[in-house]
Protein backbone atom coordinates (compact mmCIF):
# COMPACT_ATOMS: atom_id res chain seq x y z
CA MET A 1 24.39 110.20 123.05
CA ALA A 2 22.31 112.68 120.66
CA ALA A 3 18.52 113.68 120.70
CA PRO A 4 15.91 115.05 118.69
CA SER A 5 16.09 118.62 118.83
CA GLY A 6 13.46 120.49 120.86
CA ARG A 7 13.27 117.50 123.58
CA ARG A 8 15.54 117.26 126.39
CA PRO A 9 15.57 113.69 128.03
CA GLN A 10 13.62 113.99 131.38
CA PRO A 11 14.83 112.45 134.51
CA ALA A 12 13.37 109.17 135.73
CA GLY A 13 11.00 109.51 139.09
CA PRO A 14 11.67 107.91 142.40
CA GLY A 15 10.10 104.83 141.44
CA GLY A 16 12.54 104.64 138.00
CA GLY A 17 9.18 105.22 136.18
CA SER A 18 9.37 107.62 133.09
CA GLY A 19 6.89 110.74 132.97
CA PRO A 20 3.96 111.31 130.51
CA GLY A 21 6.44 112.89 128.10
CA ALA A 22 9.02 109.50 128.16
CA GLY A 23 5.65 107.49 126.73
CA ALA A 24 4.81 110.01 124.25
CA LEU A 25 8.43 109.55 122.89
CA ARG A 26 8.36 106.07 123.07
CA GLY A 27 5.02 105.98 121.23
CA ALA A 28 6.44 108.39 118.61
CA ASP A 29 9.53 106.34 118.33
CA GLU A 30 7.58 103.23 117.88
CA ASP A 31 5.26 104.94 115.18
CA ALA A 32 8.20 106.06 113.17
CA GLU A 33 10.94 104.43 111.35
CA GLY A 34 13.76 104.86 113.56
CA LEU A 35 17.64 104.41 113.89
CA TYR A 36 18.53 100.83 114.42
CA VAL A 37 22.11 101.37 116.27
CA ALA A 38 24.43 98.96 118.19
CA VAL A 39 23.38 97.66 121.59
CA GLU A 40 25.23 100.25 124.14
CA ARG A 41 23.55 101.67 126.86
CA CYS A 42 22.55 104.97 127.80
CA PRO A 43 24.76 106.76 130.50
CA LEU A 44 21.90 108.69 131.33
CA CYS A 45 19.24 106.09 132.38
CA ASN A 46 21.98 102.74 132.10
CA THR A 47 19.48 101.34 129.79
CA THR A 48 19.78 100.17 126.21
CA ARG A 49 17.51 101.73 123.42
CA ARG A 50 17.57 100.39 119.68
CA ARG A 51 16.06 103.56 118.48
CA LEU A 52 16.86 107.35 119.58
CA THR A 53 15.79 109.14 117.07
CA CYS A 54 13.78 108.69 113.92
CA ALA A 55 15.24 108.38 110.52
CA LYS A 56 13.90 111.80 109.22
CA CYS A 57 15.02 113.62 112.02
CA VAL A 58 18.80 112.09 111.21
CA GLN A 59 18.00 112.86 107.77
CA SER A 60 17.18 116.56 108.45
CA GLY A 61 19.96 116.48 110.80
CA ASP A 62 17.40 117.89 113.47
CA PHE A 63 19.21 116.41 116.39
CA VAL A 64 21.44 117.11 118.98
CA PHE A 65 23.52 116.09 121.74
CA PHE A 66 22.50 114.10 124.42
CA ASP A 67 24.47 115.29 127.53
CA GLY A 68 23.43 119.14 126.58
CA ARG A 69 26.78 119.80 126.12
CA ASP A 70 26.21 121.49 122.60
CA SER A 71 22.51 122.76 121.78
CA GLU A 72 23.10 123.30 118.44
CA ARG A 73 21.37 121.21 115.89
CA PHE A 74 23.72 118.71 113.16
CA SER A 75 21.92 120.77 110.65
CA ASP A 76 22.88 124.36 111.77
CA LYS A 77 26.44 122.79 112.23
CA LYS A 78 26.05 121.49 108.65
CA GLU A 79 25.22 124.65 107.47
CA ARG A 80 27.92 126.88 109.48
CA LEU A 81 29.98 124.35 108.07
CA MET A 82 29.07 125.10 104.70
CA HIS A 83 28.82 128.84 104.95
CA LEU A 84 32.52 128.50 107.02
CA LYS A 85 33.91 126.59 103.97
CA THR A 86 32.20 129.44 101.18
CA LYS A 87 34.35 131.48 103.37
CA GLN A 88 37.20 129.47 103.47
CA ARG A 89 36.84 129.90 99.60
CA GLU A 90 35.99 133.45 99.53
CA PHE A 91 39.33 134.04 101.64
CA GLN A 92 41.77 131.66 99.55
CA LYS A 93 40.38 133.46 96.07
CA HIS A 94 41.22 136.75 98.04
CA VAL A 95 44.72 134.84 99.24
CA LEU A 96 45.15 133.78 95.87
CA LYS A 97 44.48 137.09 94.31
CA ALA A 98 46.83 138.56 96.61
CA MET A 99 49.43 136.18 96.45
CA GLU A 100 48.91 136.66 92.52
CA GLY A 101 49.90 140.25 92.81
CA LYS A 102 53.09 139.26 95.00
CA GLU A 103 53.99 136.68 92.53
CA ILE A 104 53.73 138.90 90.51
CA THR A 105 55.61 141.53 91.75
CA ASP A 106 58.29 138.98 92.45
CA GLN A 107 58.47 137.98 88.92
CA LEU A 108 58.76 141.47 88.35
CA ARG A 109 61.45 142.07 91.16
CA TRP A 110 63.57 139.00 89.77
CA LYS A 111 63.34 140.40 86.23
CA ILE A 112 64.66 143.35 87.28
CA MET A 113 67.39 142.37 88.79
CA SER A 114 67.97 139.93 86.07
CA CYS A 115 68.16 143.34 84.19
CA LYS A 116 70.14 145.35 86.45
CA MET A 117 72.19 142.46 86.18
CA ARG A 118 72.60 141.87 82.48
CA ILE A 119 72.86 146.09 82.29
CA GLU A 120 75.76 145.71 84.49
CA GLN A 121 77.37 142.77 82.01
CA LEU A 122 76.74 144.68 78.98
CA LYS A 123 78.20 147.93 80.81
CA GLN A 124 81.43 145.97 80.94
CA THR A 125 81.25 144.21 78.25
CA ILE A 126 80.65 147.79 76.34
CA CYS A 127 83.66 149.13 77.93
CA LYS A 128 85.76 146.64 77.05
CA GLU A 129 84.36 146.53 73.36
CA ASN A 130 85.43 150.19 73.74
CA ASP A 131 88.58 149.30 74.95
CA GLU A 132 88.99 147.30 71.51
CA MET A 133 87.74 149.25 69.89
CA THR A 134 89.85 152.09 71.09
CA ARG A 135 93.14 149.37 70.46
CA HIS A 136 91.39 148.24 67.02
CA THR A 137 90.94 151.99 66.08
CA GLU A 138 94.69 152.91 66.85
CA GLY A 139 95.87 149.64 64.96
CA LEU A 140 93.70 150.90 62.20
CA LEU A 141 95.43 154.19 62.17
CA ARG A 142 98.54 152.64 61.81
CA ILE A 143 98.11 150.10 59.22
CA LYS A 144 96.59 153.05 57.51
CA GLU A 145 99.78 154.68 57.87
CA GLU A 146 102.09 152.17 57.28
CA ASN A 147 99.52 151.29 53.78
CA GLN A 148 100.36 154.84 52.88
CA LYS A 149 104.15 155.10 53.92
CA HIS A 150 103.67 151.25 51.90
CA TYR A 151 101.57 152.91 48.79
CA ARG A 152 104.37 155.45 48.57
CA ARG A 153 107.05 153.36 48.74
CA ALA A 154 105.07 150.79 45.90
CA GLN A 155 105.05 154.33 43.82
CA ARG A 156 108.49 154.96 44.21
CA HIS A 157 109.79 151.27 43.83
CA GLN A 158 107.13 151.34 40.76
CA GLU A 159 108.89 154.14 39.00
CA LYS A 160 111.89 152.91 40.40
CA LYS A 161 110.89 149.53 38.72
CA GLU A 162 110.21 151.73 35.48
CA LYS A 163 113.40 153.13 35.22
CA ILE A 164 115.21 149.92 35.83
CA GLN A 165 113.32 148.45 32.90
CA ARG A 166 113.90 151.54 30.82
CA HIS A 167 117.79 151.04 31.90
CA ASN A 168 117.50 147.66 31.19
CA ARG A 169 116.28 148.42 27.62
CA ARG A 170 118.88 151.10 27.01
CA LEU A 171 121.24 148.02 28.23
CA GLY A 172 119.55 145.28 26.17
CA ASP A 173 120.54 147.33 23.67
CA LEU A 174 123.21 148.38 24.33
CA VAL A 175 124.16 144.65 24.77
CA GLU A 176 123.05 143.88 21.53
CA LYS A 177 124.62 146.41 20.32
CA LYS A 178 128.40 145.56 21.79
CA THR A 179 127.53 141.72 20.87
CA TYR A 180 126.75 142.81 17.69
CA ASP A 181 130.06 144.50 17.49
CA LEU A 182 131.83 141.99 19.59
CA LYS A 183 130.61 138.78 16.95
CA THR A 184 132.00 141.66 14.17
CA GLN A 185 135.31 141.70 16.18
CA TYR A 186 135.44 137.86 16.66
CA GLU A 187 134.70 137.65 12.96
CA HIS A 188 137.57 140.16 12.17
CA LEU A 189 139.88 138.54 14.76
CA ALA A 190 139.31 134.90 13.32
CA ASN A 191 139.68 136.43 9.32
CA LEU A 192 143.21 137.83 10.78
CA ARG A 193 144.13 135.30 12.58
CA ARG A 194 143.11 132.67 9.20
CA THR A 195 145.04 135.30 6.97
CA HIS A 196 147.81 135.31 9.24
CA ILE A 197 147.37 131.42 9.87
CA LEU A 198 147.28 130.81 6.26
CA GLU A 199 150.04 133.04 5.22
CA LEU A 200 152.17 130.85 8.06
CA THR A 201 151.13 127.56 6.28
CA SER A 202 151.50 128.94 2.95
CA VAL A 203 154.75 131.14 3.33
CA ILE A 204 157.19 129.25 6.12
CA PHE A 205 155.31 125.74 7.38
CA PRO A 206 154.06 124.33 4.11
CA ILE A 207 152.09 121.01 4.67
CA GLU A 208 151.29 118.91 1.61
CA GLU A 209 150.78 115.42 1.07
CA VAL A 210 153.29 113.50 -0.75
CA LYS A 211 152.82 110.02 -2.61
CA THR A 212 155.15 107.37 -1.78
CA SER A 213 156.29 104.39 -3.79
CA MET A 214 156.14 101.71 -1.29
CA ARG A 215 154.68 98.52 -2.51
CA ASP A 216 151.73 96.69 -0.88
CA PRO A 217 152.64 93.77 1.66
CA ALA A 218 150.17 92.23 -0.27
CA ASP A 219 151.56 92.21 -3.91
CA VAL A 220 155.10 91.26 -2.69
CA SER A 221 153.69 88.40 -0.50
CA THR A 222 151.66 87.07 -4.32
CA GLU A 223 155.13 87.53 -5.77
CA SER A 224 157.17 85.37 -3.29
CA ASP A 225 154.37 83.03 -2.96
CA ASN A 226 152.68 81.63 -5.45
CA ALA A 227 150.16 79.17 -3.43
CA MET A 228 148.68 81.91 -1.52
CA THR A 229 145.20 82.16 -2.56
CA SER A 230 143.19 85.67 -3.33
CA SER A 231 141.19 85.69 -0.08
CA THR A 232 144.83 85.62 1.90
CA VAL A 233 146.07 89.10 -0.19
CA SER A 234 142.71 90.57 0.79
CA LYS A 235 142.72 89.54 4.20
CA LEU A 236 146.96 91.04 4.17
CA ALA A 237 145.30 94.20 2.28
CA GLU A 238 142.22 94.73 4.98
CA ALA A 239 144.88 94.12 7.76
CA ARG A 240 146.93 96.54 6.77
CA ARG A 241 144.44 99.04 6.03
CA THR A 242 142.99 98.54 9.90
CA THR A 243 144.14 101.00 12.99
CA TYR A 244 142.91 100.30 16.24
CA LEU A 245 141.17 103.91 17.41
CA SER A 246 138.88 104.38 20.81
CA GLY A 247 138.76 100.94 21.43
CA ARG A 248 138.06 98.95 18.07
CA TRP A 249 139.33 98.84 14.80
CA VAL A 250 138.87 101.53 11.89
CA CYS A 251 139.42 101.91 8.96
CA ASP A 252 142.23 103.71 7.89
CA ASP A 253 142.99 104.35 3.93
CA HIS A 254 146.36 106.36 4.42
CA ASN A 255 148.09 103.71 6.34
CA GLY A 256 151.77 104.14 4.85
CA ASP A 257 150.35 104.95 1.42
CA THR A 258 151.42 108.44 1.51
CA SER A 259 153.69 110.82 3.32
CA ILE A 260 152.99 114.06 4.81
CA SER A 261 155.70 117.08 4.41
CA ILE A 262 156.78 120.17 5.97
CA THR A 263 158.43 123.35 4.88
CA GLY A 264 159.41 120.72 1.78
CA PRO A 265 158.94 117.51 0.48
CA TRP A 266 161.88 116.04 1.58
CA ILE A 267 161.15 117.16 5.53
CA THR A 268 157.92 113.78 6.09
CA LEU A 269 156.37 111.91 8.47
CA PRO A 270 155.02 108.56 7.89
CA ASN A 271 151.63 109.19 7.73
CA ASN A 272 150.17 105.93 10.13
CA GLY A 273 153.07 107.48 12.65
CA ASP A 274 155.18 104.79 12.57
CA TYR A 275 158.69 106.06 14.25
CA SER A 276 160.45 102.60 13.75
CA ALA A 277 163.11 104.42 11.55
CA TYR A 278 163.94 106.53 14.32
CA TYR A 279 164.10 103.81 16.91
CA ASN A 280 166.28 101.47 14.41
CA TRP A 281 168.64 104.80 14.15
CA VAL A 282 169.28 105.42 17.57
CA GLU A 283 170.17 101.72 18.54
CA GLU A 284 172.39 101.47 15.45
CA LYS A 285 173.42 104.80 16.80
CA LYS A 286 174.44 103.46 19.92
CA THR A 287 176.08 100.15 18.64
CA THR A 288 178.04 102.02 15.30
CA GLN A 289 180.54 105.08 16.83
CA GLY A 290 181.49 107.74 14.06
CA PRO A 291 179.79 110.47 12.68
CA ASP A 292 176.74 109.77 10.43
CA MET A 293 177.81 110.31 6.61
CA GLU A 294 173.98 110.10 5.54
CA HIS A 295 172.44 113.07 4.47
CA ASN A 296 168.91 111.32 3.23
CA ASN A 297 168.61 109.44 6.94
CA PRO A 298 164.98 108.70 7.96
CA ALA A 299 165.58 109.73 11.56
CA HIS A 300 166.91 113.15 10.57
CA THR A 301 163.84 113.97 8.61
CA ILE A 302 161.73 112.40 10.99
CA SER A 303 163.24 114.26 13.97
CA ALA A 304 162.84 117.77 11.64
CA ALA A 305 159.58 116.92 10.58
CA LEU A 306 158.18 116.78 14.76
CA CYS A 307 160.61 120.18 15.29
CA TYR A 308 158.84 121.97 13.08
CA ALA A 309 155.67 120.35 13.69
CA THR A 310 156.19 121.72 17.59
CA GLN A 311 157.30 125.32 16.21
CA LEU A 312 154.04 125.57 14.09
CA VAL A 313 151.89 124.25 16.84
CA ASN A 314 153.38 126.88 19.36
CA THR A 315 153.02 129.33 16.95
CA LEU A 316 149.61 128.55 16.44
CA SER A 317 148.53 128.39 19.65
CA LEU A 318 150.02 131.73 20.07
CA ILE A 319 148.01 133.07 17.12
CA LEU A 320 144.52 131.27 18.18
CA ASP A 321 145.16 132.24 21.80
CA VAL A 322 144.34 128.91 23.22
CA ASN A 323 146.53 127.35 26.28
CA LEU A 324 147.98 124.19 25.25
CA PRO A 325 147.87 121.13 27.65
CA LYS A 326 150.93 119.90 27.07
CA LYS A 327 154.09 122.32 27.37
CA LEU A 328 156.81 121.10 24.53
CA CYS A 329 159.92 122.65 23.47
CA ASN A 330 160.62 123.65 20.31
CA SER A 331 163.91 122.06 20.53
CA GLU A 332 162.94 118.78 22.38
CA PHE A 333 163.32 116.84 19.12
CA CYS A 334 166.35 118.63 17.97
CA GLY A 335 168.82 116.39 20.61
CA GLU A 336 170.29 113.35 19.17
CA ASN A 337 170.47 109.87 20.67
CA LEU A 338 166.70 110.48 22.41
CA SER A 339 165.74 107.22 24.32
CA ARG A 340 162.58 105.60 23.03
CA HIS A 341 160.31 106.30 26.19
CA ARG A 342 161.73 110.19 25.89
CA PHE A 343 160.71 110.52 22.26
CA THR A 344 157.69 108.25 22.76
CA ARG A 345 156.11 110.83 25.49
CA ALA A 346 157.34 114.09 23.36
CA VAL A 347 155.34 112.69 20.46
CA LYS A 348 152.40 111.80 22.82
CA LYS A 349 152.61 115.94 23.73
CA LEU A 350 152.82 116.89 19.74
CA ASN A 351 150.03 114.67 19.00
CA ALA A 352 147.82 115.99 22.08
CA ASN A 353 148.18 119.53 21.41
CA ILE A 354 147.23 119.31 18.10
CA LEU A 355 144.69 117.49 19.09
CA HIS A 356 143.39 120.11 21.23
CA LEU A 357 144.29 123.14 18.99
CA CYS A 358 141.58 120.96 16.41
CA PHE A 359 138.82 120.78 18.98
CA SER A 360 139.33 124.53 19.58
CA GLN A 361 138.95 125.27 15.98
CA HIS A 362 135.83 122.60 15.59
CA VAL A 363 137.61 120.24 13.02
CA ASN A 364 135.39 117.83 11.56
CA LEU A 365 136.27 114.63 14.43
CA ASP A 366 135.90 112.22 11.85
CA LEU A 367 138.95 113.22 9.61
CA LEU A 368 141.18 113.17 12.96
CA HIS A 369 143.59 110.49 14.22
CA PRO A 370 145.51 110.19 17.58
CA LEU A 371 148.49 108.78 15.17
CA HIS A 372 148.56 111.23 12.19
CA THR A 373 150.45 113.93 13.52
CA LEU A 374 151.23 116.21 10.46
CA ARG A 375 147.38 114.77 9.20
CA ASN A 376 145.50 116.50 11.98
CA LEU A 377 147.73 119.46 11.60
CA MET A 378 146.99 119.58 7.59
CA TYR A 379 143.72 119.68 8.51
CA LEU A 380 143.46 122.51 10.86
CA VAL A 381 145.42 124.94 8.55
CA SER A 382 143.44 123.60 5.72
CA PRO A 383 141.40 126.55 4.10
CA ASP A 384 138.41 124.43 4.05
CA THR A 385 138.05 124.60 7.56
CA GLU A 386 135.30 126.82 8.37
CA ASN A 387 135.80 127.65 11.83
CA LEU A 388 139.38 128.65 11.52
CA GLY A 389 140.54 131.33 13.77
CA ARG A 390 137.43 130.97 16.10
CA SER A 391 137.32 132.30 19.80
CA GLY A 392 135.35 131.12 22.76
CA PRO A 393 134.67 127.44 24.23
CA PHE A 394 134.95 124.09 22.98
CA GLU A 395 134.50 120.46 24.02
CA ILE A 396 137.23 117.57 24.10
CA SER A 397 136.31 114.49 22.80
CA ALA A 398 137.42 111.83 25.46
CA ASP A 399 137.79 109.39 22.96
CA LEU A 400 140.58 110.80 20.92
CA GLU A 401 142.18 111.61 24.38
CA ASP A 402 142.35 107.82 25.55
CA SER A 403 143.09 106.55 21.89
CA MET A 404 146.67 108.10 22.73
CA GLU A 405 147.73 105.94 24.97
CA PHE A 406 148.23 103.68 21.90
CA VAL A 407 151.19 105.46 20.24
CA ASP A 408 153.37 103.00 21.46
CA PRO A 409 152.55 100.91 24.35
CA SER A 410 155.99 98.94 23.98
CA ALA A 411 157.74 102.16 25.42
CA ALA A 412 155.66 102.76 28.29
CA GLY A 413 157.20 100.55 30.54
CA GLU A 414 161.07 101.77 29.63
CA THR A 415 163.13 104.45 31.77
CA ASP A 416 165.66 106.06 30.14
CA GLU A 417 168.94 105.31 31.05
CA SER A 418 170.39 108.59 31.88
CA GLY A 419 169.17 110.29 35.14
CA ASP A 420 168.98 113.81 33.79
CA GLU A 421 166.92 112.58 30.81
CA HIS A 422 164.34 112.00 33.41
CA VAL A 423 161.66 114.51 33.60
CA SER A 424 158.10 113.91 34.99
CA ASP A 425 154.72 115.04 33.20
CA GLU A 426 153.33 117.20 36.36
CA GLU A 427 157.02 119.07 34.96
CA THR A 428 155.86 120.15 31.71
CA ASP A 429 152.51 119.65 31.65
CA LEU A 430 150.00 123.26 31.85
CA GLY A 431 147.22 121.40 32.27
CA THR A 432 143.62 122.21 30.86
CA ASP A 433 142.41 124.02 34.11
CA TRP A 434 143.95 126.97 34.17
CA GLU A 435 142.25 130.33 34.23
CA ASN A 436 142.43 132.98 31.48
CA LEU A 437 142.95 136.08 33.20
CA PRO A 438 142.99 139.58 31.05
CA SER A 439 146.27 141.14 30.59
CA PRO A 440 147.09 144.63 32.06
CA ARG A 441 146.28 147.86 29.57
CA PHE A 442 149.67 148.05 28.62
CA CYS A 443 151.73 145.14 29.01
CA ASP A 444 154.95 143.54 26.89
CA ILE A 445 154.60 140.63 24.64
CA PRO A 446 155.66 137.58 26.53
CA SER A 447 158.74 135.97 26.46
CA GLN A 448 157.71 132.43 25.18
CA GLN A 449 157.63 134.07 21.58
CA VAL A 450 160.60 135.59 22.15
CA GLU A 451 162.06 132.31 22.94
CA MET A 452 160.22 130.22 20.28
CA LEU A 453 161.49 133.23 17.65
CA GLN A 454 165.20 132.47 18.83
CA SER A 455 164.84 128.96 18.41
CA GLN A 456 163.47 129.70 15.47
CA SER A 457 166.50 131.75 14.25
CA THR A 458 168.60 128.64 15.30
CA GLN A 459 166.79 125.71 13.90
CA VAL A 460 164.78 126.44 10.98
CA SER A 461 166.79 125.54 7.85
CA GLN A 462 164.67 127.89 5.83
CA PRO A 463 166.74 131.19 3.76
CA ILE A 464 166.35 133.81 6.27
CA ALA A 465 163.80 135.80 4.58
CA SER A 466 161.11 133.27 5.56
CA SER A 467 162.27 133.40 8.66
CA SER A 468 162.23 136.83 9.66
CA ALA A 469 158.53 136.85 7.78
CA GLY A 470 157.62 133.84 9.59
CA GLY A 471 158.96 135.61 13.21
CA MET A 472 157.17 139.23 11.67
CA ILE A 473 154.11 137.20 11.46
CA SER A 474 153.89 135.64 14.70
CA SER A 475 154.83 138.89 16.96
CA ALA A 476 152.14 140.69 15.38
CA ALA A 477 149.47 137.98 15.87
CA ALA A 478 150.69 137.90 19.31
CA SER A 479 150.78 141.86 19.09
CA VAL A 480 147.21 141.77 18.28
CA THR A 481 145.99 139.17 20.70
CA SER A 482 147.77 140.85 23.32
CA TRP A 483 146.25 144.21 22.51
CA PHE A 484 143.11 142.76 22.35
CA LYS A 485 142.74 141.23 25.61
CA ALA A 486 144.14 144.25 27.36
CA TYR A 487 141.22 145.87 25.70
CA THR A 488 138.64 143.54 26.69
CA GLY A 489 139.98 142.99 30.20
CA HIS A 490 139.92 147.07 31.10
CA ARG A 491 136.33 147.33 29.39
């Protein structure tokens, strides 16, 4: 237990009493306010005391251990504790100051290390970028060289372009001049063709319209039947003046009133394409044997007119330099006893060739009729035809070609009796899809012209002077055409 400082406990006397010092201490303790503690026996005297020290000593810290193990007072200990705490704080400050410097040093070291690593990375990046820069510089140099090459090439191309443009302008001027010359030559050729055709049709093959003295069937029916009304007569007249064309009935003012003559007024063809007189004559010829003593036989007139029309069409195709779609010989209509099928087929070919020539010369389609053989030919060679003698492409009217099947539908199913007369259309048709090839520079007159001239000399019933004039005209036209084709083909 602690005791007040300055007094040490005295051992008890032999009688167990205490000395005079103990009485004084006890008296002092009784007078002063003491510290009350729990009942506890003193290890020295083995007694219990409630007041060991006074309150003032405790408050001032003026007490020590009773056992004497430490003579330092509590106040001294406290003072020394405060002094140690002060030293501790000072030491902590020194340590913190020293640690602060160390921390700053470590931070600087870390910063230095980071900077070194960053510097190393930057060096590597710089090396890599330098390599990239080197490659890019080399690529830039190559691109500059290529650009220079391209620039020089562009300059050459520009010069070449300007040269080509100048050449194109010269060629354009030349083409324009040649086009004008060609147009002039075409016009000159068209005028020559027109002159030759008009001379041919005025001297050798004149085509004229001849009025016939046929009476109107309506008038005859009126005289024979007085009970017939005027409406019936008008209907008959209207039906007589209509023709089935291109899938519809059209008005035909020239249906039977007139006929067309060729090479003279005595050789005519019916204007409406009715060749029943020839068919009747063929049937009578089969039943009646013996020579035909009738000079004005309409069958002879029809065959002669068709023969001359074929000859004229072939001559016009040579003059106009037009390939005919159907191959038809001049002597096709000269034979006797032609069957209905063969005659109809030849007439179809002739009409197709005439329409083809009309299409090539841009004849007005409203004037054409697929059944009017000589009338279409008359429109073709008429002086009023503006485009007669032209050259160049043309369009074909499909409606008129389709109407060719109505020439004689009844004869379509008939066949020839003799096997040697059967010739297919494929063997005689030239076709419209042939290609015109340029003739050689030095070419002979085609043999077809010679054959045509020979057929002219044997078939034409005109005087010898007229035939020779027509042959000369055809030969001259064919020669001019051949030379012109050879000249244009080798330009």
